[in-house]
Protein backbone atom coordinates (compact mmCIF):
# COMPACT_ATOMS: atom_id res chain seq x y z
CA MET A 1 241.35 27.54 133.96
CA ARG A 2 241.18 30.02 131.10
CA PHE A 3 238.50 32.35 129.81
CA ILE A 4 237.04 31.60 126.38
CA PRO A 5 234.47 33.50 124.28
CA TYR A 6 230.98 32.09 124.63
CA ALA A 7 230.96 30.97 120.98
CA GLU A 8 233.69 28.45 121.82
CA ALA A 9 231.66 26.98 124.70
CA ALA A 10 229.84 24.76 122.22
CA SER A 11 233.04 22.85 121.43
CA VAL A 12 235.26 23.02 124.57
CA PRO A 13 234.35 21.48 127.98
CA ASN A 14 233.56 24.50 130.13
CA VAL A 15 231.98 26.02 133.21
CA ILE A 16 229.52 28.87 132.68
CA VAL A 17 229.40 31.58 135.32
CA ASP A 18 226.27 33.77 135.55
CA GLY A 19 224.71 32.84 132.24
CA LYS A 20 223.19 29.97 130.30
CA GLY A 21 224.96 26.70 129.60
CA ALA A 22 226.19 25.91 126.07
CA GLY A 23 226.84 22.71 124.15
CA LYS A 24 229.92 21.52 126.06
CA THR A 25 229.07 23.04 129.45
CA VAL A 26 229.79 20.57 132.27
CA LEU A 27 228.60 22.86 135.09
CA THR A 28 226.62 26.07 135.35
CA LEU A 29 227.30 28.36 138.32
CA SER A 30 224.52 30.87 137.91
CA HIS A 31 221.56 32.39 139.70
CA TRP A 32 219.78 32.75 136.37
CA PRO A 33 216.28 31.28 135.98
CA LYS A 34 216.20 27.49 135.59
CA SER A 35 220.01 27.42 135.44
CA GLY A 36 220.40 23.90 136.78
CA THR A 37 222.99 25.03 139.32
CA PRO A 38 223.30 22.33 142.05
CA ALA A 39 221.12 23.20 145.05
CA ALA A 40 224.05 22.74 147.46
CA LEU A 41 225.88 25.64 145.77
CA ARG A 42 223.04 28.17 145.62
CA GLY A 43 223.72 31.82 146.44
CA ASP A 44 222.05 35.16 145.76
CA THR A 45 224.67 36.12 143.17
CA SER A 46 226.61 33.98 140.74
CA THR A 47 229.78 35.16 142.48
CA ALA A 48 228.53 33.76 145.80
CA ILE A 49 227.76 30.49 143.98
CA VAL A 50 231.34 30.37 142.64
CA PHE A 51 232.74 30.78 146.16
CA ASN A 52 230.41 28.04 147.40
CA TYR A 53 231.78 25.85 144.61
CA LEU A 54 235.37 26.63 145.57
CA ASP A 55 234.52 25.64 149.16
CA LYS A 56 233.43 22.16 148.05
CA PRO A 57 236.18 20.30 146.12
CA PRO A 58 234.02 17.15 145.80
CA LYS A 59 231.68 19.20 143.59
CA HIS A 60 234.47 20.24 141.20
CA LYS A 61 234.16 19.28 137.54
CA LYS A 62 236.86 18.64 134.95
CA ALA A 63 236.95 21.63 132.64
CA ASP A 64 239.77 23.91 131.58
CA ALA A 65 237.63 26.80 130.36
CA VAL A 66 235.11 29.27 131.74
CA SER A 67 232.78 31.61 129.88
CA ASN A 68 229.57 33.65 129.97
CA ASN A 69 227.05 34.79 127.37
CA HIS A 70 226.84 38.42 128.56
CA PHE A 71 229.01 40.92 130.38
CA ASP A 72 228.19 42.37 133.78
CA GLU A 73 229.86 42.88 137.15
CA ASP A 74 228.60 39.66 138.72
CA GLY A 75 229.80 37.63 135.75
CA LEU A 76 233.19 39.33 135.77
CA VAL A 77 233.80 38.91 139.50
CA GLY A 78 232.60 35.31 139.48
CA ILE A 79 234.83 34.39 136.55
CA PHE A 80 237.78 36.13 138.22
CA ALA A 81 237.21 34.05 141.37
CA LEU A 82 237.21 30.84 139.34
CA LEU A 83 240.35 31.81 137.41
CA ASP A 84 242.33 33.11 140.39
CA PRO A 85 240.83 31.57 143.55
CA GLY A 86 243.91 32.20 145.68
CA ARG A 87 243.70 35.95 145.24
CA ALA A 88 239.89 36.06 145.16
CA ILE A 89 239.38 34.22 148.45
CA GLY A 90 241.41 36.89 150.24
CA HIS A 91 238.87 39.47 149.03
CA ARG A 92 235.79 37.23 149.23
CA ASP A 93 233.44 39.56 151.14
CA LEU A 94 234.36 42.55 148.98
CA LEU A 95 233.90 40.66 145.72
CA ILE A 96 230.49 39.31 146.73
CA ASP A 97 229.55 42.86 147.72
CA VAL A 98 230.66 44.14 144.29
CA ALA A 99 228.51 41.49 142.60
CA GLN A 100 225.47 42.46 144.71
CA ALA A 101 226.04 46.12 143.91
CA GLY A 102 226.33 45.44 140.20
CA ASP A 103 223.28 43.18 139.97
CA PHE A 104 220.95 44.44 142.68
CA GLY A 105 222.13 47.99 143.50
CA VAL A 106 222.70 46.84 147.10
CA PHE A 107 225.99 47.26 148.95
CA GLN A 108 227.48 47.02 152.43
CA ARG A 109 230.79 48.74 151.73
CA ARG A 110 231.05 52.01 149.81
CA GLU A 111 234.18 50.56 148.23
CA ALA A 112 232.05 47.86 146.58
CA ALA A 113 229.65 50.43 145.11
CA ARG A 114 232.57 52.43 143.74
CA ILE A 115 234.16 49.38 142.14
CA ALA A 116 230.81 48.53 140.52
CA PHE A 117 230.53 52.11 139.20
CA ALA A 118 234.05 51.97 137.78
CA LEU A 119 233.46 48.60 136.09
CA HIS A 120 230.22 49.85 134.57
CA ALA A 121 231.99 52.94 133.21
CA HIS A 122 234.73 50.80 131.66
CA ALA A 123 232.09 48.76 129.84
CA GLU A 124 230.12 51.77 128.56
CA ALA A 125 230.88 53.40 125.21
CA GLY A 126 231.63 57.08 125.68
CA LEU A 127 232.74 56.60 129.30
CA SER A 128 235.27 53.82 128.90
CA PRO A 129 239.06 54.36 128.70
CA LEU A 130 239.23 51.24 126.50
CA PRO A 131 239.78 51.70 122.73
CA ALA A 132 236.63 53.16 121.21
CA GLU A 133 236.68 50.74 118.27
CA ILE A 134 235.93 47.70 120.43
CA PHE A 135 232.43 49.08 121.07
CA ASP A 136 231.70 48.83 117.33
CA ARG A 137 232.08 45.05 117.44
CA PRO A 138 229.08 42.65 117.44
CA ASP A 139 227.71 41.93 120.91
CA ALA A 140 229.37 38.52 121.29
CA ALA A 141 232.80 39.84 120.30
CA LEU A 142 232.40 42.90 122.54
CA THR A 143 231.41 40.69 125.49
CA ALA A 144 234.52 38.54 125.09
CA GLU A 145 236.78 41.59 124.73
CA LEU A 146 235.36 43.22 127.85
CA TYR A 147 236.02 40.09 129.89
CA VAL A 148 239.61 39.79 128.65
CA ARG A 149 240.40 43.43 129.39
CA LEU A 150 238.49 43.88 132.66
CA LEU A 151 239.79 40.66 134.20
CA GLU A 152 243.09 42.56 134.19
CA VAL A 153 241.55 45.77 135.57
CA LEU A 154 239.59 44.21 138.45
CA PRO A 155 242.61 43.31 140.67
CA ARG A 156 243.86 46.90 140.41
CA LEU A 157 240.43 48.22 141.38
CA MET A 158 240.48 45.97 144.44
CA THR A 159 243.79 47.32 145.69
CA ASP A 160 244.07 50.88 144.31
CA LEU A 161 240.54 52.23 143.92
CA ASP A 162 241.54 55.89 144.20
CA ARG A 163 243.51 55.53 140.97
CA PHE A 164 240.17 55.01 139.20
CA ARG A 165 238.35 57.93 140.86
CA ALA A 166 237.49 59.51 137.50
CA PHE A 167 235.33 56.47 136.71
CA TRP A 168 233.28 56.39 139.91
CA LYS A 169 233.19 59.91 141.35
CA SER A 170 230.12 61.23 139.48
CA GLU A 171 227.95 58.19 140.31
CA ASP A 172 229.23 58.28 143.87
CA ALA A 173 228.23 61.93 144.18
CA ALA A 174 224.73 61.18 142.86
CA LEU A 175 224.46 58.32 145.36
CA ALA A 176 225.56 60.60 148.21
CA ALA A 177 222.96 63.19 147.20
CA SER A 178 220.18 60.58 147.26
CA GLU A 179 221.34 59.24 150.63
CA ALA A 180 221.25 62.78 152.03
CA ALA A 181 217.75 63.28 150.60
CA ILE A 182 216.55 60.09 152.29
CA GLN A 183 218.04 61.23 155.59
CA SER A 184 216.38 64.66 155.29
CA GLY A 185 212.99 63.26 154.30
CA ALA A 186 213.05 64.74 150.79
CA ILE A 187 212.88 61.11 149.67
CA ALA A 188 210.55 58.97 151.77
CA ILE A 189 210.27 55.19 151.54
CA GLU A 190 207.09 53.57 152.89
CA GLU A 191 207.09 49.76 153.03
CA GLN A 192 204.22 47.29 152.87
CA LYS A 193 206.29 44.25 153.75
CA GLU A 194 203.44 41.77 153.45
CA LEU A 195 203.31 42.66 149.73
CA ASP A 196 207.11 42.95 149.29
CA PHE A 197 206.18 46.46 148.14
CA ALA A 198 207.51 49.95 148.83
CA VAL A 199 206.40 53.42 147.80
CA VAL A 200 209.27 55.82 147.13
CA ARG A 201 208.11 59.45 147.25
CA VAL A 202 210.61 61.96 145.85
CA ALA A 203 210.05 65.67 146.49
CA GLU A 204 209.34 67.55 143.25
CA LYS A 205 212.46 69.73 143.46
CA CYS A 206 214.66 66.74 144.36
CA SER A 207 216.77 64.85 141.80
CA PRO A 208 215.60 61.30 141.02
CA CYS A 209 216.58 58.75 143.65
CA HIS A 210 219.72 56.81 142.79
CA ASP A 211 218.96 53.08 142.49
CA PHE A 212 221.79 52.15 144.87
CA ALA A 213 220.33 54.40 147.57
CA MET A 214 216.77 53.20 147.02
CA HIS A 215 217.61 49.49 146.84
CA THR A 216 219.97 49.56 149.81
CA HIS A 217 217.36 51.31 151.99
CA THR A 218 214.55 48.84 151.29
CA PRO A 219 214.61 45.10 150.56
CA CYS A 220 211.20 45.27 148.86
CA THR A 221 211.35 44.08 145.26
CA ARG A 222 208.19 45.83 144.04
CA LEU A 223 208.64 49.60 143.98
CA LEU A 224 206.28 52.43 143.12
CA VAL A 225 208.33 55.59 142.57
CA ILE A 226 206.39 58.87 142.73
CA HIS A 227 208.23 62.04 141.70
CA GLY A 228 205.65 64.78 141.27
CA GLN A 229 203.36 63.50 138.52
CA HIS A 230 206.01 61.14 137.19
CA VAL A 231 205.09 57.64 138.40
CA GLU A 232 206.66 54.24 137.71
CA LEU A 233 206.01 50.77 139.11
CA GLN A 234 209.06 48.52 138.83
CA TYR A 235 210.15 45.00 139.67
CA ARG A 236 213.70 44.63 140.91
CA TYR A 237 216.19 42.15 139.47
CA GLU A 238 215.99 39.96 142.57
CA GLY A 239 212.57 38.78 141.39
CA TRP A 240 213.95 37.51 138.05
CA VAL A 241 216.68 35.24 139.44
CA GLN A 242 216.89 32.33 141.87
CA MET A 243 217.58 33.92 145.26
CA ALA A 244 218.99 31.75 148.04
CA SER A 245 218.64 34.00 151.10
CA ARG A 246 214.96 34.76 150.51
CA LYS A 247 212.21 34.32 147.95
CA PRO A 248 210.80 37.61 146.65
CA ALA A 249 207.08 37.89 145.98
CA ALA A 250 206.20 36.39 142.61
CA ARG A 251 205.82 38.81 139.75
CA VAL A 252 202.31 39.59 138.58
CA ASP A 253 201.51 40.57 135.00
CA LEU A 254 200.80 44.31 135.16
CA THR A 255 199.33 44.57 131.66
CA PRO A 256 195.75 44.69 133.10
CA LEU A 257 196.81 47.60 135.31
CA ALA A 258 198.27 49.37 132.28
CA ASP A 259 194.97 48.87 130.43
CA GLU A 260 193.04 50.26 133.40
CA LEU A 261 195.27 53.34 133.67
CA ASN A 262 195.01 53.99 129.92
CA GLN A 263 191.25 54.32 130.31
CA GLN A 264 191.84 57.19 132.76
CA GLU A 265 194.92 58.84 131.27
CA LYS A 266 194.32 62.33 129.80
CA SER A 267 197.92 63.48 129.24
CA GLY A 268 198.25 61.95 125.78
CA GLY A 269 200.68 59.37 127.13
CA VAL A 270 200.26 55.60 127.01
CA TRP A 271 200.89 53.23 129.92
CA LYS A 272 203.04 50.20 128.98
CA PHE A 273 204.35 47.24 130.96
CA ASP A 274 207.64 45.66 129.84
CA GLY A 275 206.58 42.09 130.72
CA VAL A 276 207.26 39.77 133.66
CA ASP A 277 210.15 38.04 131.84
CA ASP A 278 212.10 41.27 131.43
CA ILE A 279 215.05 41.48 133.83
CA THR A 280 213.90 44.68 135.53
CA PRO A 281 210.47 45.43 134.02
CA LYS A 282 208.63 48.69 134.56
CA LEU A 283 205.08 49.90 134.21
CA ARG A 284 205.45 53.48 133.01
CA LEU A 285 203.92 56.20 130.91
CA LYS A 286 205.24 56.56 127.35
CA LYS A 287 204.93 59.66 125.13
CA SER A 288 204.42 61.93 128.14
CA PRO A 289 206.67 62.57 131.15
CA ASP A 290 203.82 63.18 133.60
CA THR A 291 200.53 61.45 134.23
CA SER A 292 197.18 63.19 134.60
CA ILE A 293 196.09 60.57 137.15
CA PRO A 294 196.55 61.41 140.85
CA PRO A 295 199.54 59.33 142.06
CA ASP A 296 197.61 58.02 145.07
CA VAL A 297 194.98 56.62 142.70
CA ILE A 298 197.75 54.76 140.85
CA LEU A 299 199.06 53.56 144.22
CA GLN A 300 195.65 52.24 145.23
CA ARG A 301 195.19 50.35 141.96
CA ALA A 302 198.76 49.01 142.04
CA VAL A 303 198.20 47.54 145.49
CA HIS A 304 194.95 45.96 144.29
CA HIS A 305 196.64 44.26 141.32
CA LEU A 306 199.66 43.12 143.33
CA LYS A 307 197.37 41.59 145.96
CA ASN A 308 195.01 39.89 143.56
CA GLY A 309 197.07 39.13 140.45
CA LYS A 310 198.22 35.57 139.77
CA PRO A 311 201.94 34.72 139.84
CA ALA A 312 203.27 34.92 136.30
CA TRP A 313 207.01 34.27 136.67
CA ASP A 314 208.85 31.40 138.39
CA PRO A 315 212.67 31.37 138.00
CA TYR A 316 213.28 28.41 140.31
CA ASP A 317 214.46 24.96 139.19
């Protein structure tokens, strides 16, 4: 198979990995909402779905091209596995771990987290070693260029990660600091598993908790992060996609909670909720870094709304 830009997927028979099917798509291998991926191939990440597809030759479709409508680590690793299955299968567990790290901030091997950090840096203007001018291109052209270039970089990351230390060391250090803070109790995570909810309390003098540390230490997909008077309620990405290993609690529209908090807020800030259809939506205070409301009051009201709110997002086919 060969990679093609997503714009060409309307005219060439293709497989889409990790995104939305186009005009000539014959198969979608994606955990995206309502993707139409065959139930027998389901996995938590699109990369896991690709490996499930490779395991089942009777499910294979005739298509010479593969594409995706956006760039991220899961899409890259999944497309690599489809293009070069012989090499990918030998690194199957690592590649699935990289995809989980990139999408969910969850990892089993530190190596996977570091590869995800390095890939993210390569795709970020100002951090990337790639030519600066490619980041001035329209989104579709940039997406295609990143796939072409990073499909060449990924195999080297898999086998010679230390060579890319400059692109993962700062994120790795921040992750290590958060892990140490969790171990010391400076960051405390309290779970209410029946609500798929966790409260993350960060000591005032502590740096913010790195997502990879927070997400790897709790499976809960609804998180209230309290850092002094800075408070955010967030839904993790797992609640936006079609998970195979578990089904996260359904997202509840938090706009009524935002309205309630705005009636109490005295800081001059405004509480806003991004919306249940956002990939990783947050309820947070805008125009002011800190809330005037006691964090435990926000916690109490958040629990009330999560318990009593109606499901407002269903990604499943």
